[in-house]
Amino acid sequence: MPIQQKTQTPAIAFETGQIWEMAESNLRIGLIGKTLVHYKHYRGASPRASVSLANKGELAQFLIKNKAVLAAPTTK
């Protein structure tokens, strides 16, 4: 009898360019791969932080834990 593994999809759907606002910082989504996400976690208005890498589930849990809110898209 084969063992069935349950894969959980994160409740948050990531898209390139999303900006998540938290209490004292922001997080900008960069590249999105099959399991990993490149992002910048920064304070203030200018995203000068280095690029970080995390898997989708961990990043979703981080955003939920810090009560992040998806910022409204800006129109140019």
PDB file of N, CA and C in Angstrom:
ATOM      1  N   MET A   1       0.847  -1.167   0.000  1.00  0.00           N
ATOM      2  CA  MET A   1       0.000   0.000   0.000  1.00  0.00           C
ATOM      3  C   MET A   1       0.902   1.243   0.000  1.00  0.00           C
ATOM      4  N   PRO A   2       0.822   2.082  -1.030  1.00  0.00           N
ATOM      5  CA  PRO A   2       1.654   3.273  -1.086  1.00  0.00           C
ATOM      6  C   PRO A   2       1.178   4.340  -0.097  1.00  0.00           C
ATOM      7  N   ILE A   3       2.122   5.090   0.406  1.00  0.00           N
ATOM      8  CA  ILE A   3       1.816   6.172   1.339  1.00  0.00           C
ATOM      9  C   ILE A   3       1.447   7.416   0.535  1.00  0.00           C
ATOM     10  N   GLN A   4       0.335   8.005   0.884  1.00  0.00           N
ATOM     11  CA  GLN A   4      -0.093   9.216   0.201  1.00  0.00           C
ATOM     12  C   GLN A   4       0.347  10.425   1.014  1.00  0.00           C
ATOM     13  N   GLN A   5       1.035  11.331   0.353  1.00  0.00           N
ATOM     14  CA  GLN A   5       1.468  12.547   1.023  1.00  0.00           C
ATOM     15  C   GLN A   5       0.501  13.670   0.682  1.00  0.00           C
ATOM     16  N   LYS A   6       0.131  14.394   1.686  1.00  0.00           N
ATOM     17  CA  LYS A   6      -0.752  15.527   1.480  1.00  0.00           C
ATOM     18  C   LYS A   6       0.101  16.765   1.283  1.00  0.00           C
ATOM     19  N   THR A   7      -0.117  17.447   0.200  1.00  0.00           N
ATOM     20  CA  THR A   7       0.591  18.695  -0.033  1.00  0.00           C
ATOM     21  C   THR A   7      -0.380  19.837   0.227  1.00  0.00           C
ATOM     22  N   GLN A   8       0.079  20.786   0.988  1.00  0.00           N
ATOM     23  CA  GLN A   8      -0.755  21.929   1.307  1.00  0.00           C
ATOM     24  C   GLN A   8      -0.341  23.096   0.428  1.00  0.00           C
ATOM     25  N   THR A   9      -1.303  23.704  -0.184  1.00  0.00           N
ATOM     26  CA  THR A   9      -1.027  24.907  -0.940  1.00  0.00           C
ATOM     27  C   THR A   9      -1.218  26.087   0.000  1.00  0.00           C
ATOM     28  N   PRO A  10      -0.342  27.061  -0.072  1.00  0.00           N
ATOM     29  CA  PRO A  10      -0.495  28.200   0.825  1.00  0.00           C
ATOM     30  C   PRO A  10      -1.803  28.944   0.558  1.00  0.00           C
ATOM     31  N   ALA A  11      -2.379  29.474   1.610  1.00  0.00           N
ATOM     32  CA  ALA A  11      -3.642  30.201   1.491  1.00  0.00           C
ATOM     33  C   ALA A  11      -3.447  31.525   0.760  1.00  0.00           C
ATOM     34  N   ILE A  12      -2.210  31.984   0.694  1.00  0.00           N
ATOM     35  CA  ILE A  12      -1.905  33.252   0.049  1.00  0.00           C
ATOM     36  C   ILE A  12      -1.384  32.972  -1.353  1.00  0.00           C
ATOM     37  N   ALA A  13      -1.959  33.623  -2.350  1.00  0.00           N
ATOM     38  CA  ALA A  13      -1.491  33.481  -3.729  1.00  0.00           C
ATOM     39  C   ALA A  13      -0.498  34.601  -4.010  1.00  0.00           C
ATOM     40  N   PHE A  14       0.751  34.230  -4.253  1.00  0.00           N
ATOM     41  CA  PHE A  14       1.794  35.217  -4.508  1.00  0.00           C
ATOM     42  C   PHE A  14       1.846  35.576  -5.984  1.00  0.00           C
ATOM     43  N   GLU A  15       2.082  36.858  -6.267  1.00  0.00           N
ATOM     44  CA  GLU A  15       2.270  37.340  -7.630  1.00  0.00           C
ATOM     45  C   GLU A  15       3.441  38.308  -7.625  1.00  0.00           C
ATOM     46  N   THR A  16       4.173  38.338  -8.722  1.00  0.00           N
ATOM     47  CA  THR A  16       5.313  39.233  -8.842  1.00  0.00           C
ATOM     48  C   THR A  16       4.855  40.680  -8.694  1.00  0.00           C
ATOM     49  N   GLY A  17       5.586  41.441  -7.893  1.00  0.00           N
ATOM     50  CA  GLY A  17       5.290  42.856  -7.712  1.00  0.00           C
ATOM     51  C   GLY A  17       4.359  43.186  -6.561  1.00  0.00           C
ATOM     52  N   GLN A  18       3.821  42.186  -5.876  1.00  0.00           N
ATOM     53  CA  GLN A  18       2.940  42.462  -4.742  1.00  0.00           C
ATOM     54  C   GLN A  18       3.723  43.143  -3.628  1.00  0.00           C
ATOM     55  N   ILE A  19       3.067  44.053  -2.930  1.00  0.00           N
ATOM     56  CA  ILE A  19       3.653  44.700  -1.760  1.00  0.00           C
ATOM     57  C   ILE A  19       2.739  44.408  -0.578  1.00  0.00           C
ATOM     58  N   TRP A  20       3.305  43.784   0.451  1.00  0.00           N
ATOM     59  CA  TRP A  20       2.574  43.445   1.668  1.00  0.00           C
ATOM     60  C   TRP A  20       2.992  44.424   2.749  1.00  0.00           C
ATOM     61  N   GLU A  21       2.028  45.080   3.384  1.00  0.00           N
ATOM     62  CA  GLU A  21       2.294  46.062   4.429  1.00  0.00           C
ATOM     63  C   GLU A  21       2.073  45.435   5.796  1.00  0.00           C
ATOM     64  N   MET A  22       3.071  45.639   6.686  1.00  0.00           N
ATOM     65  CA  MET A  22       2.971  45.179   8.066  1.00  0.00           C
ATOM     66  C   MET A  22       3.066  46.401   8.968  1.00  0.00           C
ATOM     67  N   ALA A  23       3.088  46.189  10.273  1.00  0.00           N
ATOM     68  CA  ALA A  23       3.065  47.298  11.228  1.00  0.00           C
ATOM     69  C   ALA A  23       4.203  48.292  10.992  1.00  0.00           C
ATOM     70  N   GLU A  24       5.427  47.818  10.911  1.00  0.00           N
ATOM     71  CA  GLU A  24       6.564  48.730  10.783  1.00  0.00           C
ATOM     72  C   GLU A  24       7.424  48.462   9.560  1.00  0.00           C
ATOM     73  N   SER A  25       6.987  47.587   8.683  1.00  0.00           N
ATOM     74  CA  SER A  25       7.810  47.248   7.525  1.00  0.00           C
ATOM     75  C   SER A  25       6.938  46.826   6.355  1.00  0.00           C
ATOM     76  N   ASN A  26       7.577  46.651   5.218  1.00  0.00           N
ATOM     77  CA  ASN A  26       6.907  46.202   4.003  1.00  0.00           C
ATOM     78  C   ASN A  26       7.663  45.023   3.426  1.00  0.00           C
ATOM     79  N   LEU A  27       7.010  44.260   2.581  1.00  0.00           N
ATOM     80  CA  LEU A  27       7.633  43.126   1.922  1.00  0.00           C
ATOM     81  C   LEU A  27       7.201  43.161   0.460  1.00  0.00           C
ATOM     82  N   ARG A  28       8.176  43.174  -0.446  1.00  0.00           N
ATOM     83  CA  ARG A  28       7.888  43.205  -1.884  1.00  0.00           C
ATOM     84  C   ARG A  28       8.254  41.865  -2.498  1.00  0.00           C
ATOM     85  N   ILE A  29       7.317  41.248  -3.203  1.00  0.00           N
ATOM     86  CA  ILE A  29       7.533  39.963  -3.854  1.00  0.00           C
ATOM     87  C   ILE A  29       8.277  40.193  -5.163  1.00  0.00           C
ATOM     88  N   GLY A  30       9.327  39.391  -5.380  1.00  0.00           N
ATOM     89  CA  GLY A  30      10.097  39.468  -6.619  1.00  0.00           C
ATOM     90  C   GLY A  30       9.754  38.302  -7.521  1.00  0.00           C
ATOM     91  N   LEU A  31      10.706  37.428  -7.729  1.00  0.00           N
ATOM     92  CA  LEU A  31      10.495  36.260  -8.576  1.00  0.00           C
ATOM     93  C   LEU A  31       9.790  35.158  -7.804  1.00  0.00           C
ATOM     94  N   ILE A  32       8.963  34.401  -8.503  1.00  0.00           N
ATOM     95  CA  ILE A  32       8.242  33.293  -7.885  1.00  0.00           C
ATOM     96  C   ILE A  32       8.544  32.032  -8.670  1.00  0.00           C
ATOM     97  N   GLY A  33       9.053  31.032  -7.965  1.00  0.00           N
ATOM     98  CA  GLY A  33       9.340  29.754  -8.595  1.00  0.00           C
ATOM     99  C   GLY A  33       8.305  28.721  -8.204  1.00  0.00           C
ATOM    100  N   LYS A  34       8.642  27.466  -8.444  1.00  0.00           N
ATOM    101  CA  LYS A  34       7.715  26.380  -8.133  1.00  0.00           C
ATOM    102  C   LYS A  34       7.490  26.260  -6.627  1.00  0.00           C
ATOM    103  N   THR A  35       8.563  26.382  -5.845  1.00  0.00           N
ATOM    104  CA  THR A  35       8.431  26.268  -4.390  1.00  0.00           C
ATOM    105  C   THR A  35       9.034  27.446  -3.636  1.00  0.00           C
ATOM    106  N   LEU A  36       9.838  28.275  -4.296  1.00  0.00           N
ATOM    107  CA  LEU A  36      10.539  29.363  -3.614  1.00  0.00           C
ATOM    108  C   LEU A  36      10.082  30.729  -4.104  1.00  0.00           C
ATOM    109  N   VAL A  37      10.244  31.723  -3.231  1.00  0.00           N
ATOM    110  CA  VAL A  37       9.875  33.099  -3.545  1.00  0.00           C
ATOM    111  C   VAL A  37      11.047  34.006  -3.200  1.00  0.00           C
ATOM    112  N   HIS A  38      11.420  34.892  -4.122  1.00  0.00           N
ATOM    113  CA  HIS A  38      12.413  35.932  -3.862  1.00  0.00           C
ATOM    114  C   HIS A  38      11.644  37.161  -3.380  1.00  0.00           C
ATOM    115  N   TYR A  39      12.106  37.772  -2.291  1.00  0.00           N
ATOM    116  CA  TYR A  39      11.398  38.933  -1.761  1.00  0.00           C
ATOM    117  C   TYR A  39      12.376  39.889  -1.102  1.00  0.00           C
ATOM    118  N   LYS A  40      11.918  41.137  -0.896  1.00  0.00           N
ATOM    119  CA  LYS A  40      12.675  42.153  -0.166  1.00  0.00           C
ATOM    120  C   LYS A  40      11.835  42.573   1.032  1.00  0.00           C
ATOM    121  N   HIS A  41      12.428  42.504   2.217  1.00  0.00           N
ATOM    122  CA  HIS A  41      11.757  42.910   3.452  1.00  0.00           C
ATOM    123  C   HIS A  41      12.433  44.196   3.904  1.00  0.00           C
ATOM    124  N   TYR A  42      11.705  45.300   3.931  1.00  0.00           N
ATOM    125  CA  TYR A  42      12.311  46.598   4.203  1.00  0.00           C
ATOM    126  C   TYR A  42      11.399  47.470   5.055  1.00  0.00           C
ATOM    127  N   ARG A  43      12.018  48.477   5.673  1.00  0.00           N
ATOM    128  CA  ARG A  43      11.280  49.482   6.443  1.00  0.00           C
ATOM    129  C   ARG A  43      11.235  50.766   5.634  1.00  0.00           C
ATOM    130  N   GLY A  44      10.183  51.507   5.795  1.00  0.00           N
ATOM    131  CA  GLY A  44      10.062  52.775   5.096  1.00  0.00           C
ATOM    132  C   GLY A  44       9.545  52.604   3.677  1.00  0.00           C
ATOM    133  N   ALA A  45       9.737  53.653   2.874  1.00  0.00           N
ATOM    134  CA  ALA A  45       9.168  53.659   1.530  1.00  0.00           C
ATOM    135  C   ALA A  45      10.100  53.112   0.458  1.00  0.00           C
ATOM    136  N   SER A  46      11.402  53.120   0.697  1.00  0.00           N
ATOM    137  CA  SER A  46      12.329  52.689  -0.353  1.00  0.00           C
ATOM    138  C   SER A  46      12.843  51.275  -0.099  1.00  0.00           C
ATOM    139  N   PRO A  47      12.654  50.373  -1.063  1.00  0.00           N
ATOM    140  CA  PRO A  47      13.073  48.972  -0.896  1.00  0.00           C
ATOM    141  C   PRO A  47      14.563  48.779  -1.157  1.00  0.00           C
ATOM    142  N   ARG A  48      15.411  49.170  -0.217  1.00  0.00           N
ATOM    143  CA  ARG A  48      16.860  49.063  -0.384  1.00  0.00           C
ATOM    144  C   ARG A  48      17.434  47.806   0.253  1.00  0.00           C
ATOM    145  N   ALA A  49      16.605  46.930   0.740  1.00  0.00           N
ATOM    146  CA  ALA A  49      17.070  45.708   1.397  1.00  0.00           C
ATOM    147  C   ALA A  49      17.568  44.712   0.361  1.00  0.00           C
ATOM    148  N   SER A  50      18.369  43.761   0.823  1.00  0.00           N
ATOM    149  CA  SER A  50      18.850  42.720  -0.071  1.00  0.00           C
ATOM    150  C   SER A  50      17.731  41.713  -0.343  1.00  0.00           C
ATOM    151  N   VAL A  51      17.890  40.974  -1.413  1.00  0.00           N
ATOM    152  CA  VAL A  51      16.886  39.979  -1.790  1.00  0.00           C
ATOM    153  C   VAL A  51      17.029  38.755  -0.895  1.00  0.00           C
ATOM    154  N   SER A  52      15.917  38.286  -0.358  1.00  0.00           N
ATOM    155  CA  SER A  52      15.885  37.085   0.473  1.00  0.00           C
ATOM    156  C   SER A  52      15.115  36.000  -0.267  1.00  0.00           C
ATOM    157  N   LEU A  53      15.270  34.773   0.207  1.00  0.00           N
ATOM    158  CA  LEU A  53      14.658  33.623  -0.443  1.00  0.00           C
ATOM    159  C   LEU A  53      13.994  32.751   0.609  1.00  0.00           C
ATOM    160  N   ALA A  54      12.750  32.360   0.381  1.00  0.00           N
ATOM    161  CA  ALA A  54      12.031  31.483   1.313  1.00  0.00           C
ATOM    162  C   ALA A  54      11.057  30.627   0.521  1.00  0.00           C
ATOM    163  N   ASN A  55      10.655  29.503   1.125  1.00  0.00           N
ATOM    164  CA  ASN A  55       9.643  28.714   0.420  1.00  0.00           C
ATOM    165  C   ASN A  55       8.271  29.339   0.654  1.00  0.00           C
ATOM    166  N   LYS A  56       7.336  29.006  -0.200  1.00  0.00           N
ATOM    167  CA  LYS A  56       6.026  29.662  -0.198  1.00  0.00           C
ATOM    168  C   LYS A  56       5.282  29.486   1.120  1.00  0.00           C
ATOM    169  N   GLY A  57       5.336  28.298   1.698  1.00  0.00           N
ATOM    170  CA  GLY A  57       4.626  28.041   2.950  1.00  0.00           C
ATOM    171  C   GLY A  57       5.160  28.860   4.108  1.00  0.00           C
ATOM    172  N   GLU A  58       6.488  28.937   4.229  1.00  0.00           N
ATOM    173  CA  GLU A  58       7.097  29.715   5.311  1.00  0.00           C
ATOM    174  C   GLU A  58       6.779  31.193   5.163  1.00  0.00           C
ATOM    175  N   LEU A  59       6.848  31.704   3.944  1.00  0.00           N
ATOM    176  CA  LEU A  59       6.566  33.117   3.721  1.00  0.00           C
ATOM    177  C   LEU A  59       5.096  33.428   4.010  1.00  0.00           C
ATOM    178  N   ALA A  60       4.200  32.540   3.632  1.00  0.00           N
ATOM    179  CA  ALA A  60       2.777  32.736   3.923  1.00  0.00           C
ATOM    180  C   ALA A  60       2.535  32.755   5.430  1.00  0.00           C
ATOM    181  N   GLN A  61       3.173  31.847   6.170  1.00  0.00           N
ATOM    182  CA  GLN A  61       3.030  31.827   7.628  1.00  0.00           C
ATOM    183  C   GLN A  61       3.590  33.103   8.244  1.00  0.00           C
ATOM    184  N   PHE A  62       4.720  33.596   7.726  1.00  0.00           N
ATOM    185  CA  PHE A  62       5.321  34.833   8.219  1.00  0.00           C
ATOM    186  C   PHE A  62       4.356  36.001   8.022  1.00  0.00           C
ATOM    187  N   LEU A  63       3.741  36.090   6.848  1.00  0.00           N
ATOM    188  CA  LEU A  63       2.814  37.185   6.572  1.00  0.00           C
ATOM    189  C   LEU A  63       1.573  37.103   7.456  1.00  0.00           C
ATOM    190  N   ILE A  64       1.073  35.903   7.680  1.00  0.00           N
ATOM    191  CA  ILE A  64      -0.100  35.729   8.542  1.00  0.00           C
ATOM    192  C   ILE A  64       0.243  36.081   9.985  1.00  0.00           C
ATOM    193  N   LYS A  65       1.410  35.625  10.449  1.00  0.00           N
ATOM    194  CA  LYS A  65       1.832  35.886  11.827  1.00  0.00           C
ATOM    195  C   LYS A  65       2.000  37.379  12.086  1.00  0.00           C
ATOM    196  N   ASN A  66       2.509  38.112  11.097  1.00  0.00           N
ATOM    197  CA  ASN A  66       2.732  39.548  11.248  1.00  0.00           C
ATOM    198  C   ASN A  66       1.554  40.394  10.777  1.00  0.00           C
ATOM    199  N   LYS A  67       0.421  39.747  10.497  1.00  0.00           N
ATOM    200  CA  LYS A  67      -0.812  40.434  10.108  1.00  0.00           C
ATOM    201  C   LYS A  67      -0.597  41.376   8.927  1.00  0.00           C
ATOM    202  N   ALA A  68       0.036  40.850   7.901  1.00  0.00           N
ATOM    203  CA  ALA A  68       0.322  41.640   6.706  1.00  0.00           C
ATOM    204  C   ALA A  68      -0.944  41.847   5.886  1.00  0.00           C
ATOM    205  N   VAL A  69      -1.012  43.014   5.256  1.00  0.00           N
ATOM    206  CA  VAL A  69      -2.142  43.368   4.407  1.00  0.00           C
ATOM    207  C   VAL A  69      -1.594  43.679   3.022  1.00  0.00           C
ATOM    208  N   LEU A  70      -2.235  43.140   2.006  1.00  0.00           N
ATOM    209  CA  LEU A  70      -1.813  43.391   0.635  1.00  0.00           C
ATOM    210  C   LEU A  70      -2.138  44.827   0.271  1.00  0.00           C
ATOM    211  N   ALA A  71      -1.121  45.574  -0.175  1.00  0.00           N
ATOM    212  CA  ALA A  71      -1.315  46.973  -0.544  1.00  0.00           C
ATOM    213  C   ALA A  71      -2.073  47.056  -1.859  1.00  0.00           C
ATOM    214  N   ALA A  72      -2.821  48.111  -2.011  1.00  0.00           N
ATOM    215  CA  ALA A  72      -3.562  48.320  -3.255  1.00  0.00           C
ATOM    216  C   ALA A  72      -2.574  48.566  -4.385  1.00  0.00           C
ATOM    217  N   PRO A  73      -2.826  48.017  -5.565  1.00  0.00           N
ATOM    218  CA  PRO A  73      -1.899  48.226  -6.682  1.00  0.00           C
ATOM    219  C   PRO A  73      -1.879  49.692  -7.093  1.00  0.00           C
ATOM    220  N   THR A  74      -0.694  50.168  -7.408  1.00  0.00           N
ATOM    221  CA  THR A  74      -0.554  51.557  -7.827  1.00  0.00           C
ATOM    222  C   THR A  74      -0.667  51.629  -9.340  1.00  0.00           C
ATOM    223  N   THR A  75      -1.362  52.623  -9.831  1.00  0.00           N
ATOM    224  CA  THR A  75      -1.488  52.817 -11.273  1.00  0.00           C
ATOM    225  C   THR A  75      -0.530  53.906 -11.698  1.00  0.00           C
ATOM    226  N   LYS A  76       0.067  53.700 -12.842  1.00  0.00           N
ATOM    227  CA  LYS A  76       1.065  54.671 -13.323  1.00  0.00           C
ATOM    228  C   LYS A  76       0.479  55.581 -14.357  1.00  0.00           C
TER     229      LYS A  76
END
